[in-house]
Amino acid sequence: MIDKKEIIEELEKLKDSLVIVEGKKDKKALEKFGLKNILMLEGNAIFEVIEKVDSEVAILTDLDSKGKELYKRLQSKLTKRGVKINNKLRHLLLRSDLKVIEGIDTFLKSKGL
């Protein structure tokens, strides 16, 4: 069983970090938790997003098959450029039944947080 408080704590830690998401709904969902430095893949080529990242990033693509494939591509290309990937929140979410980042708020509320 996943500890929902751990998810909240990791979201808190990402408030000042750069985060990559798939689209507008994902960005909006994370902004509810105070995250501000969010890059969207939607409307941008992957290489354009990759060029904007220079040190550390959290990749929060969806946890479905498409999101996992996007994660692998981003992780591979960013790592080759020497970018550190912060996977803590992603690993927590992978252990949950959440499949889309845009549903994180609803997911946490349904679990009593």
PDB file of N, CA and C in Angstrom:
ATOM      1  N   MET A   1       0.843  -1.199   0.000  1.00  0.00           N
ATOM      2  CA  MET A   1       0.000   0.000   0.000  1.00  0.00           C
ATOM      3  C   MET A   1       0.878   1.250   0.000  1.00  0.00           C
ATOM      4  N   ILE A   2       0.536   2.169  -0.820  1.00  0.00           N
ATOM      5  CA  ILE A   2       1.317   3.403  -0.958  1.00  0.00           C
ATOM      6  C   ILE A   2       0.908   4.422   0.102  1.00  0.00           C
ATOM      7  N   ASP A   3       1.879   5.111   0.622  1.00  0.00           N
ATOM      8  CA  ASP A   3       1.626   6.148   1.616  1.00  0.00           C
ATOM      9  C   ASP A   3       1.363   7.464   0.881  1.00  0.00           C
ATOM     10  N   LYS A   4       0.138   7.938   0.946  1.00  0.00           N
ATOM     11  CA  LYS A   4      -0.249   9.167   0.237  1.00  0.00           C
ATOM     12  C   LYS A   4       0.506  10.381   0.755  1.00  0.00           C
ATOM     13  N   LYS A   5       0.865  10.352   2.042  1.00  0.00           N
ATOM     14  CA  LYS A   5       1.625  11.472   2.608  1.00  0.00           C
ATOM     15  C   LYS A   5       2.988  11.592   1.942  1.00  0.00           C
ATOM     16  N   GLU A   6       3.561  10.463   1.533  1.00  0.00           N
ATOM     17  CA  GLU A   6       4.838  10.488   0.814  1.00  0.00           C
ATOM     18  C   GLU A   6       4.697  11.232  -0.512  1.00  0.00           C
ATOM     19  N   ILE A   7       3.567  11.028  -1.182  1.00  0.00           N
ATOM     20  CA  ILE A   7       3.311  11.714  -2.450  1.00  0.00           C
ATOM     21  C   ILE A   7       3.238  13.217  -2.218  1.00  0.00           C
ATOM     22  N   ILE A   8       2.507  13.627  -1.189  1.00  0.00           N
ATOM     23  CA  ILE A   8       2.397  15.048  -0.851  1.00  0.00           C
ATOM     24  C   ILE A   8       3.785  15.623  -0.545  1.00  0.00           C
ATOM     25  N   GLU A   9       4.582  14.896   0.226  1.00  0.00           N
ATOM     26  CA  GLU A   9       5.932  15.359   0.570  1.00  0.00           C
ATOM     27  C   GLU A   9       6.791  15.529  -0.677  1.00  0.00           C
ATOM     28  N   GLU A  10       6.708  14.590  -1.603  1.00  0.00           N
ATOM     29  CA  GLU A  10       7.499  14.692  -2.835  1.00  0.00           C
ATOM     30  C   GLU A  10       7.013  15.841  -3.708  1.00  0.00           C
ATOM     31  N   LEU A  11       5.710  16.077  -3.739  1.00  0.00           N
ATOM     32  CA  LEU A  11       5.184  17.233  -4.470  1.00  0.00           C
ATOM     33  C   LEU A  11       5.737  18.522  -3.871  1.00  0.00           C
ATOM     34  N   GLU A  12       5.782  18.595  -2.545  1.00  0.00           N
ATOM     35  CA  GLU A  12       6.347  19.764  -1.854  1.00  0.00           C
ATOM     36  C   GLU A  12       7.801  19.994  -2.272  1.00  0.00           C
ATOM     37  N   LYS A  13       8.566  18.925  -2.336  1.00  0.00           N
ATOM     38  CA  LYS A  13       9.988  19.015  -2.688  1.00  0.00           C
ATOM     39  C   LYS A  13      10.189  19.498  -4.119  1.00  0.00           C
ATOM     40  N   LEU A  14       9.192  19.297  -4.972  1.00  0.00           N
ATOM     41  CA  LEU A  14       9.313  19.684  -6.381  1.00  0.00           C
ATOM     42  C   LEU A  14       8.864  21.113  -6.663  1.00  0.00           C
ATOM     43  N   LYS A  15       8.418  21.835  -5.647  1.00  0.00           N
ATOM     44  CA  LYS A  15       7.902  23.194  -5.868  1.00  0.00           C
ATOM     45  C   LYS A  15       8.894  24.111  -6.581  1.00  0.00           C
ATOM     46  N   ASP A  16      10.167  23.960  -6.311  1.00  0.00           N
ATOM     47  CA  ASP A  16      11.179  24.816  -6.938  1.00  0.00           C
ATOM     48  C   ASP A  16      11.939  24.102  -8.052  1.00  0.00           C
ATOM     49  N   SER A  17      11.482  22.932  -8.425  1.00  0.00           N
ATOM     50  CA  SER A  17      12.178  22.132  -9.437  1.00  0.00           C
ATOM     51  C   SER A  17      11.518  22.260 -10.801  1.00  0.00           C
ATOM     52  N   LEU A  18      12.286  21.929 -11.813  1.00  0.00           N
ATOM     53  CA  LEU A  18      11.756  21.865 -13.173  1.00  0.00           C
ATOM     54  C   LEU A  18      11.069  20.507 -13.348  1.00  0.00           C
ATOM     55  N   VAL A  19       9.860  20.540 -13.917  1.00  0.00           N
ATOM     56  CA  VAL A  19       9.076  19.322 -14.117  1.00  0.00           C
ATOM     57  C   VAL A  19       8.578  19.290 -15.564  1.00  0.00           C
ATOM     58  N   ILE A  20       8.680  18.130 -16.193  1.00  0.00           N
ATOM     59  CA  ILE A  20       8.146  17.948 -17.549  1.00  0.00           C
ATOM     60  C   ILE A  20       6.865  17.132 -17.461  1.00  0.00           C
ATOM     61  N   VAL A  21       5.800  17.624 -18.117  1.00  0.00           N
ATOM     62  CA  VAL A  21       4.524  16.917 -18.181  1.00  0.00           C
ATOM     63  C   VAL A  21       4.074  16.831 -19.638  1.00  0.00           C
ATOM     64  N   GLU A  22       3.033  16.048 -19.876  1.00  0.00           N
ATOM     65  CA  GLU A  22       2.543  15.899 -21.240  1.00  0.00           C
ATOM     66  C   GLU A  22       1.723  17.092 -21.720  1.00  0.00           C
ATOM     67  N   GLY A  23       0.774  17.555 -20.917  1.00  0.00           N
ATOM     68  CA  GLY A  23      -0.118  18.591 -21.429  1.00  0.00           C
ATOM     69  C   GLY A  23      -0.644  19.561 -20.393  1.00  0.00           C
ATOM     70  N   LYS A  24      -1.582  20.390 -20.860  1.00  0.00           N
ATOM     71  CA  LYS A  24      -2.147  21.475 -20.048  1.00  0.00           C
ATOM     72  C   LYS A  24      -2.842  20.975 -18.787  1.00  0.00           C
ATOM     73  N   LYS A  25      -3.597  19.893 -18.895  1.00  0.00           N
ATOM     74  CA  LYS A  25      -4.329  19.372 -17.736  1.00  0.00           C
ATOM     75  C   LYS A  25      -3.355  18.872 -16.666  1.00  0.00           C
ATOM     76  N   ASP A  26      -2.263  18.259 -17.103  1.00  0.00           N
ATOM     77  CA  ASP A  26      -1.244  17.796 -16.159  1.00  0.00           C
ATOM     78  C   ASP A  26      -0.611  18.988 -15.448  1.00  0.00           C
ATOM     79  N   LYS A  27      -0.301  20.016 -16.233  1.00  0.00           N
ATOM     80  CA  LYS A  27       0.305  21.223 -15.669  1.00  0.00           C
ATOM     81  C   LYS A  27      -0.620  21.857 -14.638  1.00  0.00           C
ATOM     82  N   LYS A  28      -1.900  21.984 -14.994  1.00  0.00           N
ATOM     83  CA  LYS A  28      -2.892  22.570 -14.084  1.00  0.00           C
ATOM     84  C   LYS A  28      -2.998  21.778 -12.782  1.00  0.00           C
ATOM     85  N   ALA A  29      -2.991  20.458 -12.894  1.00  0.00           N
ATOM     86  CA  ALA A  29      -3.107  19.599 -11.710  1.00  0.00           C
ATOM     87  C   ALA A  29      -1.924  19.811 -10.767  1.00  0.00           C
ATOM     88  N   LEU A  30      -0.724  19.933 -11.317  1.00  0.00           N
ATOM     89  CA  LEU A  30       0.467  20.118 -10.485  1.00  0.00           C
ATOM     90  C   LEU A  30       0.549  21.533  -9.910  1.00  0.00           C
ATOM     91  N   GLU A  31       0.019  22.505 -10.646  1.00  0.00           N
ATOM     92  CA  GLU A  31       0.001  23.876 -10.133  1.00  0.00           C
ATOM     93  C   GLU A  31      -0.851  23.984  -8.869  1.00  0.00           C
ATOM     94  N   LYS A  32      -1.839  23.125  -8.717  1.00  0.00           N
ATOM     95  CA  LYS A  32      -2.668  23.116  -7.503  1.00  0.00           C
ATOM     96  C   LYS A  32      -1.830  22.799  -6.267  1.00  0.00           C
ATOM     97  N   PHE A  33      -0.691  22.145  -6.482  1.00  0.00           N
ATOM     98  CA  PHE A  33       0.203  21.784  -5.384  1.00  0.00           C
ATOM     99  C   PHE A  33       1.378  22.752  -5.258  1.00  0.00           C
ATOM    100  N   GLY A  34       1.290  23.858  -5.999  1.00  0.00           N
ATOM    101  CA  GLY A  34       2.307  24.898  -5.879  1.00  0.00           C
ATOM    102  C   GLY A  34       3.492  24.767  -6.824  1.00  0.00           C
ATOM    103  N   LEU A  35       3.467  23.804  -7.721  1.00  0.00           N
ATOM    104  CA  LEU A  35       4.556  23.672  -8.685  1.00  0.00           C
ATOM    105  C   LEU A  35       4.387  24.754  -9.748  1.00  0.00           C
ATOM    106  N   LYS A  36       5.475  25.396 -10.094  1.00  0.00           N
ATOM    107  CA  LYS A  36       5.394  26.523 -11.025  1.00  0.00           C
ATOM    108  C   LYS A  36       6.289  26.377 -12.255  1.00  0.00           C
ATOM    109  N   ASN A  37       7.382  25.675 -12.119  1.00  0.00           N
ATOM    110  CA  ASN A  37       8.365  25.565 -13.191  1.00  0.00           C
ATOM    111  C   ASN A  37       8.096  24.295 -13.998  1.00  0.00           C
ATOM    112  N   ILE A  38       7.057  24.354 -14.844  1.00  0.00           N
ATOM    113  CA  ILE A  38       6.580  23.177 -15.563  1.00  0.00           C
ATOM    114  C   ILE A  38       6.708  23.372 -17.074  1.00  0.00           C
ATOM    115  N   LEU A  39       7.353  22.414 -17.719  1.00  0.00           N
ATOM    116  CA  LEU A  39       7.465  22.398 -19.180  1.00  0.00           C
ATOM    117  C   LEU A  39       6.477  21.380 -19.730  1.00  0.00           C
ATOM    118  N   MET A  40       5.736  21.776 -20.757  1.00  0.00           N
ATOM    119  CA  MET A  40       4.779  20.859 -21.378  1.00  0.00           C
ATOM    120  C   MET A  40       5.330  20.315 -22.687  1.00  0.00           C
ATOM    121  N   LEU A  41       5.085  19.042 -22.917  1.00  0.00           N
ATOM    122  CA  LEU A  41       5.432  18.446 -24.206  1.00  0.00           C
ATOM    123  C   LEU A  41       4.414  18.873 -25.265  1.00  0.00           C
ATOM    124  N   GLU A  42       3.165  19.022 -24.856  1.00  0.00           N
ATOM    125  CA  GLU A  42       2.093  19.415 -25.767  1.00  0.00           C
ATOM    126  C   GLU A  42       2.445  20.740 -26.439  1.00  0.00           C
ATOM    127  N   GLY A  43       2.426  20.725 -27.774  1.00  0.00           N
ATOM    128  CA  GLY A  43       2.719  21.940 -28.515  1.00  0.00           C
ATOM    129  C   GLY A  43       4.207  22.190 -28.742  1.00  0.00           C
ATOM    130  N   ASN A  44       5.050  21.299 -28.242  1.00  0.00           N
ATOM    131  CA  ASN A  44       6.497  21.433 -28.409  1.00  0.00           C
ATOM    132  C   ASN A  44       7.082  20.114 -28.908  1.00  0.00           C
ATOM    133  N   ALA A  45       8.112  20.221 -29.716  1.00  0.00           N
ATOM    134  CA  ALA A  45       8.836  19.015 -30.125  1.00  0.00           C
ATOM    135  C   ALA A  45       9.679  18.559 -28.934  1.00  0.00           C
ATOM    136  N   ILE A  46       9.864  17.258 -28.800  1.00  0.00           N
ATOM    137  CA  ILE A  46      10.645  16.736 -27.669  1.00  0.00           C
ATOM    138  C   ILE A  46      12.026  17.378 -27.615  1.00  0.00           C
ATOM    139  N   PHE A  47      12.666  17.547 -28.765  1.00  0.00           N
ATOM    140  CA  PHE A  47      14.014  18.124 -28.757  1.00  0.00           C
ATOM    141  C   PHE A  47      14.009  19.562 -28.217  1.00  0.00           C
ATOM    142  N   GLU A  48      12.919  20.298 -28.448  1.00  0.00           N
ATOM    143  CA  GLU A  48      12.829  21.664 -27.925  1.00  0.00           C
ATOM    144  C   GLU A  48      12.750  21.656 -26.400  1.00  0.00           C
ATOM    145  N   VAL A  49      11.987  20.728 -25.860  1.00  0.00           N
ATOM    146  CA  VAL A  49      11.864  20.604 -24.405  1.00  0.00           C
ATOM    147  C   VAL A  49      13.207  20.189 -23.818  1.00  0.00           C
ATOM    148  N   ILE A  50      13.854  19.221 -24.444  1.00  0.00           N
ATOM    149  CA  ILE A  50      15.148  18.727 -23.964  1.00  0.00           C
ATOM    150  C   ILE A  50      16.187  19.845 -23.933  1.00  0.00           C
ATOM    151  N   GLU A  51      16.173  20.701 -24.931  1.00  0.00           N
ATOM    152  CA  GLU A  51      17.141  21.804 -24.999  1.00  0.00           C
ATOM    153  C   GLU A  51      16.962  22.814 -23.867  1.00  0.00           C
ATOM    154  N   LYS A  52      15.785  22.870 -23.292  1.00  0.00           N
ATOM    155  CA  LYS A  52      15.514  23.823 -22.212  1.00  0.00           C
ATOM    156  C   LYS A  52      15.959  23.313 -20.839  1.00  0.00           C
ATOM    157  N   VAL A  53      16.372  22.049 -20.770  1.00  0.00           N
ATOM    158  CA  VAL A  53      16.745  21.428 -19.502  1.00  0.00           C
ATOM    159  C   VAL A  53      18.260  21.329 -19.428  1.00  0.00           C
ATOM    160  N   ASP A  54      18.834  21.861 -18.321  1.00  0.00           N
ATOM    161  CA  ASP A  54      20.285  21.825 -18.239  1.00  0.00           C
ATOM    162  C   ASP A  54      20.873  21.211 -16.974  1.00  0.00           C
ATOM    163  N   SER A  55      20.073  20.987 -15.941  1.00  0.00           N
ATOM    164  CA  SER A  55      20.690  20.426 -14.735  1.00  0.00           C
ATOM    165  C   SER A  55      19.902  19.249 -14.162  1.00  0.00           C
ATOM    166  N   GLU A  56      18.743  19.510 -13.579  1.00  0.00           N
ATOM    167  CA  GLU A  56      17.932  18.442 -12.979  1.00  0.00           C
ATOM    168  C   GLU A  56      16.474  18.656 -13.337  1.00  0.00           C
ATOM    169  N   VAL A  57      15.760  17.545 -13.512  1.00  0.00           N
ATOM    170  CA  VAL A  57      14.349  17.618 -13.899  1.00  0.00           C
ATOM    171  C   VAL A  57      13.611  16.394 -13.364  1.00  0.00           C
ATOM    172  N   ALA A  58      12.330  16.598 -13.073  1.00  0.00           N
ATOM    173  CA  ALA A  58      11.430  15.488 -12.767  1.00  0.00           C
ATOM    174  C   ALA A  58      10.554  15.294 -14.000  1.00  0.00           C
ATOM    175  N   ILE A  59      10.458  14.072 -14.459  1.00  0.00           N
ATOM    176  CA  ILE A  59       9.631  13.764 -15.628  1.00  0.00           C
ATOM    177  C   ILE A  59       8.352  13.109 -15.129  1.00  0.00           C
ATOM    178  N   LEU A  60       7.241  13.817 -15.256  1.00  0.00           N
ATOM    179  CA  LEU A  60       5.956  13.303 -14.782  1.00  0.00           C
ATOM    180  C   LEU A  60       4.992  13.121 -15.949  1.00  0.00           C
ATOM    181  N   THR A  61       5.414  12.292 -16.901  1.00  0.00           N
ATOM    182  CA  THR A  61       4.486  11.905 -17.957  1.00  0.00           C
ATOM    183  C   THR A  61       3.523  10.893 -17.350  1.00  0.00           C
ATOM    184  N   ASP A  62       2.406  10.664 -18.040  1.00  0.00           N
ATOM    185  CA  ASP A  62       1.399   9.742 -17.516  1.00  0.00           C
ATOM    186  C   ASP A  62       1.996   8.355 -17.285  1.00  0.00           C
ATOM    187  N   LEU A  63       1.274   7.559 -16.524  1.00  0.00           N
ATOM    188  CA  LEU A  63       1.753   6.237 -16.140  1.00  0.00           C
ATOM    189  C   LEU A  63       1.119   5.139 -16.987  1.00  0.00           C
ATOM    190  N   ASP A  64       0.539   5.547 -18.115  1.00  0.00           N
ATOM    191  CA  ASP A  64       0.004   4.589 -19.080  1.00  0.00           C
ATOM    192  C   ASP A  64       1.113   4.248 -20.085  1.00  0.00           C
ATOM    193  N   SER A  65       0.809   3.407 -21.075  1.00  0.00           N
ATOM    194  CA  SER A  65       1.861   2.964 -21.998  1.00  0.00           C
ATOM    195  C   SER A  65       2.469   4.124 -22.798  1.00  0.00           C
ATOM    196  N   LYS A  66       1.647   5.064 -23.249  1.00  0.00           N
ATOM    197  CA  LYS A  66       2.159   6.221 -23.997  1.00  0.00           C
ATOM    198  C   LYS A  66       3.074   7.072 -23.111  1.00  0.00           C
ATOM    199  N   GLY A  67       2.644   7.332 -21.894  1.00  0.00           N
ATOM    200  CA  GLY A  67       3.441   8.129 -20.968  1.00  0.00           C
ATOM    201  C   GLY A  67       4.753   7.458 -20.603  1.00  0.00           C
ATOM    202  N   LYS A  68       4.707   6.143 -20.439  1.00  0.00           N
ATOM    203  CA  LYS A  68       5.935   5.402 -20.120  1.00  0.00           C
ATOM    204  C   LYS A  68       6.923   5.457 -21.279  1.00  0.00           C
ATOM    205  N   GLU A  69       6.418   5.381 -22.499  1.00  0.00           N
ATOM    206  CA  GLU A  69       7.285   5.475 -23.679  1.00  0.00           C
ATOM    207  C   GLU A  69       7.899   6.877 -23.774  1.00  0.00           C
ATOM    208  N   LEU A  70       7.097   7.909 -23.544  1.00  0.00           N
ATOM    209  CA  LEU A  70       7.625   9.281 -23.539  1.00  0.00           C
ATOM    210  C   LEU A  70       8.693   9.437 -22.463  1.00  0.00           C
ATOM    211  N   TYR A  71       8.428   8.868 -21.287  1.00  0.00           N
ATOM    212  CA  TYR A  71       9.404   8.935 -20.193  1.00  0.00           C
ATOM    213  C   TYR A  71      10.728   8.325 -20.622  1.00  0.00           C
ATOM    214  N   LYS A  72      10.684   7.140 -21.218  1.00  0.00           N
ATOM    215  CA  LYS A  72      11.918   6.455 -21.634  1.00  0.00           C
ATOM    216  C   LYS A  72      12.712   7.301 -22.623  1.00  0.00           C
ATOM    217  N   ARG A  73      12.017   7.892 -23.595  1.00  0.00           N
ATOM    218  CA  ARG A  73      12.696   8.729 -24.597  1.00  0.00           C
ATOM    219  C   ARG A  73      13.339   9.951 -23.944  1.00  0.00           C
ATOM    220  N   LEU A  74      12.573  10.632 -23.096  1.00  0.00           N
ATOM    221  CA  LEU A  74      13.094  11.822 -22.419  1.00  0.00           C
ATOM    222  C   LEU A  74      14.257  11.470 -21.497  1.00  0.00           C
ATOM    223  N   GLN A  75      14.075  10.437 -20.700  1.00  0.00           N
ATOM    224  CA  GLN A  75      15.105  10.026 -19.747  1.00  0.00           C
ATOM    225  C   GLN A  75      16.408   9.688 -20.472  1.00  0.00           C
ATOM    226  N   SER A  76      16.300   8.953 -21.559  1.00  0.00           N
ATOM    227  CA  SER A  76      17.478   8.548 -22.318  1.00  0.00           C
ATOM    228  C   SER A  76      18.215   9.767 -22.895  1.00  0.00           C
ATOM    229  N   LYS A  77      17.475  10.641 -23.546  1.00  0.00           N
ATOM    230  CA  LYS A  77      18.090  11.814 -24.188  1.00  0.00           C
ATOM    231  C   LYS A  77      18.645  12.806 -23.156  1.00  0.00           C
ATOM    232  N   LEU A  78      17.931  13.011 -22.079  1.00  0.00           N
ATOM    233  CA  LEU A  78      18.396  13.950 -21.051  1.00  0.00           C
ATOM    234  C   LEU A  78      19.622  13.411 -20.314  1.00  0.00           C
ATOM    235  N   THR A  79      19.612  12.134 -20.007  1.00  0.00           N
ATOM    236  CA  THR A  79      20.754  11.524 -19.325  1.00  0.00           C
ATOM    237  C   THR A  79      22.011  11.631 -20.178  1.00  0.00           C
ATOM    238  N   LYS A  80      21.868  11.435 -21.469  1.00  0.00           N
ATOM    239  CA  LYS A  80      23.012  11.566 -22.390  1.00  0.00           C
ATOM    240  C   LYS A  80      23.581  12.978 -22.376  1.00  0.00           C
ATOM    241  N   ARG A  81      22.740  13.948 -22.055  1.00  0.00           N
ATOM    242  CA  ARG A  81      23.192  15.349 -21.975  1.00  0.00           C
ATOM    243  C   ARG A  81      23.718  15.696 -20.588  1.00  0.00           C
ATOM    244  N   GLY A  82      23.719  14.724 -19.676  1.00  0.00           N
ATOM    245  CA  GLY A  82      24.245  14.953 -18.333  1.00  0.00           C
ATOM    246  C   GLY A  82      23.236  15.509 -17.350  1.00  0.00           C
ATOM    247  N   VAL A  83      21.959  15.460 -17.705  1.00  0.00           N
ATOM    248  CA  VAL A  83      20.903  15.972 -16.834  1.00  0.00           C
ATOM    249  C   VAL A  83      20.530  14.894 -15.808  1.00  0.00           C
ATOM    250  N   LYS A  84      20.422  15.300 -14.557  1.00  0.00           N
ATOM    251  CA  LYS A  84      20.001  14.390 -13.489  1.00  0.00           C
ATOM    252  C   LYS A  84      18.479  14.306 -13.497  1.00  0.00           C
ATOM    253  N   ILE A  85      17.951  13.085 -13.431  1.00  0.00           N
ATOM    254  CA  ILE A  85      16.512  12.866 -13.421  1.00  0.00           C
ATOM    255  C   ILE A  85      16.071  12.555 -11.987  1.00  0.00           C
ATOM    256  N   ASN A  86      15.128  13.339 -11.479  1.00  0.00           N
ATOM    257  CA  ASN A  86      14.558  13.096 -10.160  1.00  0.00           C
ATOM    258  C   ASN A  86      13.333  12.190 -10.351  1.00  0.00           C
ATOM    259  N   ASN A  87      13.472  10.930  -9.953  1.00  0.00           N
ATOM    260  CA  ASN A  87      12.421   9.936 -10.168  1.00  0.00           C
ATOM    261  C   ASN A  87      11.612   9.608  -8.929  1.00  0.00           C
ATOM    262  N   LYS A  88      11.853  10.283  -7.824  1.00  0.00           N
ATOM    263  CA  LYS A  88      11.224   9.883  -6.557  1.00  0.00           C
ATOM    264  C   LYS A  88       9.700   9.869  -6.630  1.00  0.00           C
ATOM    265  N   LEU A  89       9.099  10.956  -7.106  1.00  0.00           N
ATOM    266  CA  LEU A  89       7.634  11.015  -7.173  1.00  0.00           C
ATOM    267  C   LEU A  89       7.107  10.015  -8.197  1.00  0.00           C
ATOM    268  N   ARG A  90       7.755   9.932  -9.332  1.00  0.00           N
ATOM    269  CA  ARG A  90       7.316   8.990 -10.368  1.00  0.00           C
ATOM    270  C   ARG A  90       7.286   7.560  -9.832  1.00  0.00           C
ATOM    271  N   HIS A  91       8.320   7.156  -9.110  1.00  0.00           N
ATOM    272  CA  HIS A  91       8.371   5.799  -8.558  1.00  0.00           C
ATOM    273  C   HIS A  91       7.253   5.569  -7.548  1.00  0.00           C
ATOM    274  N   LEU A  92       6.950   6.566  -6.746  1.00  0.00           N
ATOM    275  CA  LEU A  92       5.822   6.448  -5.805  1.00  0.00           C
ATOM    276  C   LEU A  92       4.504   6.267  -6.564  1.00  0.00           C
ATOM    277  N   LEU A  93       4.326   7.067  -7.596  1.00  0.00           N
ATOM    278  CA  LEU A  93       3.074   7.013  -8.355  1.00  0.00           C
ATOM    279  C   LEU A  93       2.924   5.702  -9.120  1.00  0.00           C
ATOM    280  N   LEU A  94       4.034   5.145  -9.564  1.00  0.00           N
ATOM    281  CA  LEU A  94       3.981   3.867 -10.278  1.00  0.00           C
ATOM    282  C   LEU A  94       3.493   2.736  -9.381  1.00  0.00           C
ATOM    283  N   ARG A  95       3.672   2.880  -8.084  1.00  0.00           N
ATOM    284  CA  ARG A  95       3.210   1.864  -7.126  1.00  0.00           C
ATOM    285  C   ARG A  95       1.730   2.056  -6.768  1.00  0.00           C
ATOM    286  N   SER A  96       1.133   3.125  -7.256  1.00  0.00           N
ATOM    287  CA  SER A  96      -0.275   3.413  -6.966  1.00  0.00           C
ATOM    288  C   SER A  96      -1.131   2.966  -8.155  1.00  0.00           C
ATOM    289  N   ASP A  97      -2.435   3.204  -8.056  1.00  0.00           N
ATOM    290  CA  ASP A  97      -3.307   2.889  -9.181  1.00  0.00           C
ATOM    291  C   ASP A  97      -3.604   4.120 -10.045  1.00  0.00           C
ATOM    292  N   LEU A  98      -2.878   5.196  -9.827  1.00  0.00           N
ATOM    293  CA  LEU A  98      -3.019   6.402 -10.647  1.00  0.00           C
ATOM    294  C   LEU A  98      -2.407   6.145 -12.026  1.00  0.00           C
ATOM    295  N   LYS A  99      -3.088   6.560 -13.077  1.00  0.00           N
ATOM    296  CA  LYS A  99      -2.580   6.353 -14.433  1.00  0.00           C
ATOM    297  C   LYS A  99      -2.288   7.653 -15.172  1.00  0.00           C
ATOM    298  N   VAL A 100      -2.940   8.750 -14.764  1.00  0.00           N
ATOM    299  CA  VAL A 100      -2.729  10.030 -15.446  1.00  0.00           C
ATOM    300  C   VAL A 100      -2.411  11.114 -14.421  1.00  0.00           C
ATOM    301  N   ILE A 101      -1.424  11.934 -14.725  1.00  0.00           N
ATOM    302  CA  ILE A 101      -0.984  12.985 -13.807  1.00  0.00           C
ATOM    303  C   ILE A 101      -2.103  13.987 -13.552  1.00  0.00           C
ATOM    304  N   GLU A 102      -2.923  14.253 -14.554  1.00  0.00           N
ATOM    305  CA  GLU A 102      -4.005  15.228 -14.365  1.00  0.00           C
ATOM    306  C   GLU A 102      -4.983  14.807 -13.273  1.00  0.00           C
ATOM    307  N   GLY A 103      -4.983  13.532 -12.904  1.00  0.00           N
ATOM    308  CA  GLY A 103      -5.891  13.043 -11.880  1.00  0.00           C
ATOM    309  C   GLY A 103      -5.285  12.957 -10.492  1.00  0.00           C
ATOM    310  N   ILE A 104      -4.107  13.525 -10.298  1.00  0.00           N
ATOM    311  CA  ILE A 104      -3.411  13.378  -9.013  1.00  0.00           C
ATOM    312  C   ILE A 104      -4.194  13.995  -7.851  1.00  0.00           C
ATOM    313  N   ASP A 105      -4.813  15.138  -8.074  1.00  0.00           N
ATOM    314  CA  ASP A 105      -5.573  15.795  -7.018  1.00  0.00           C
ATOM    315  C   ASP A 105      -6.775  14.936  -6.604  1.00  0.00           C
ATOM    316  N   THR A 106      -7.518  14.470  -7.570  1.00  0.00           N
ATOM    317  CA  THR A 106      -8.672  13.611  -7.311  1.00  0.00           C
ATOM    318  C   THR A 106      -8.234  12.319  -6.630  1.00  0.00           C
ATOM    319  N   PHE A 107      -7.135  11.762  -7.111  1.00  0.00           N
ATOM    320  CA  PHE A 107      -6.589  10.527  -6.547  1.00  0.00           C
ATOM    321  C   PHE A 107      -6.268  10.710  -5.058  1.00  0.00           C
ATOM    322  N   LEU A 108      -5.584  11.792  -4.729  1.00  0.00           N
ATOM    323  CA  LEU A 108      -5.213  12.027  -3.334  1.00  0.00           C
ATOM    324  C   LEU A 108      -6.437  12.312  -2.468  1.00  0.00           C
ATOM    325  N   LYS A 109      -7.413  13.048  -3.004  1.00  0.00           N
ATOM    326  CA  LYS A 109      -8.637  13.328  -2.239  1.00  0.00           C
ATOM    327  C   LYS A 109      -9.416  12.041  -1.979  1.00  0.00           C
ATOM    328  N   SER A 110      -9.434  11.135  -2.949  1.00  0.00           N
ATOM    329  CA  SER A 110     -10.155   9.870  -2.783  1.00  0.00           C
ATOM    330  C   SER A 110      -9.494   8.987  -1.732  1.00  0.00           C
ATOM    331  N   LYS A 111      -8.241   9.261  -1.445  1.00  0.00           N
ATOM    332  CA  LYS A 111      -7.494   8.497  -0.455  1.00  0.00           C
ATOM    333  C   LYS A 111      -7.473   9.209   0.902  1.00  0.00           C
ATOM    334  N   GLY A 112      -8.282  10.268   1.003  1.00  0.00           N
ATOM    335  CA  GLY A 112      -8.409  10.953   2.291  1.00  0.00           C
ATOM    336  C   GLY A 112      -7.421  12.062   2.538  1.00  0.00           C
ATOM    337  N   LEU A 113      -6.774  12.587   1.490  1.00  0.00           N
ATOM    338  CA  LEU A 113      -5.820  13.700   1.665  1.00  0.00           C
ATOM    339  C   LEU A 113      -6.291  14.922   0.912  1.00  0.00           C
TER     340      LEU A 113
END
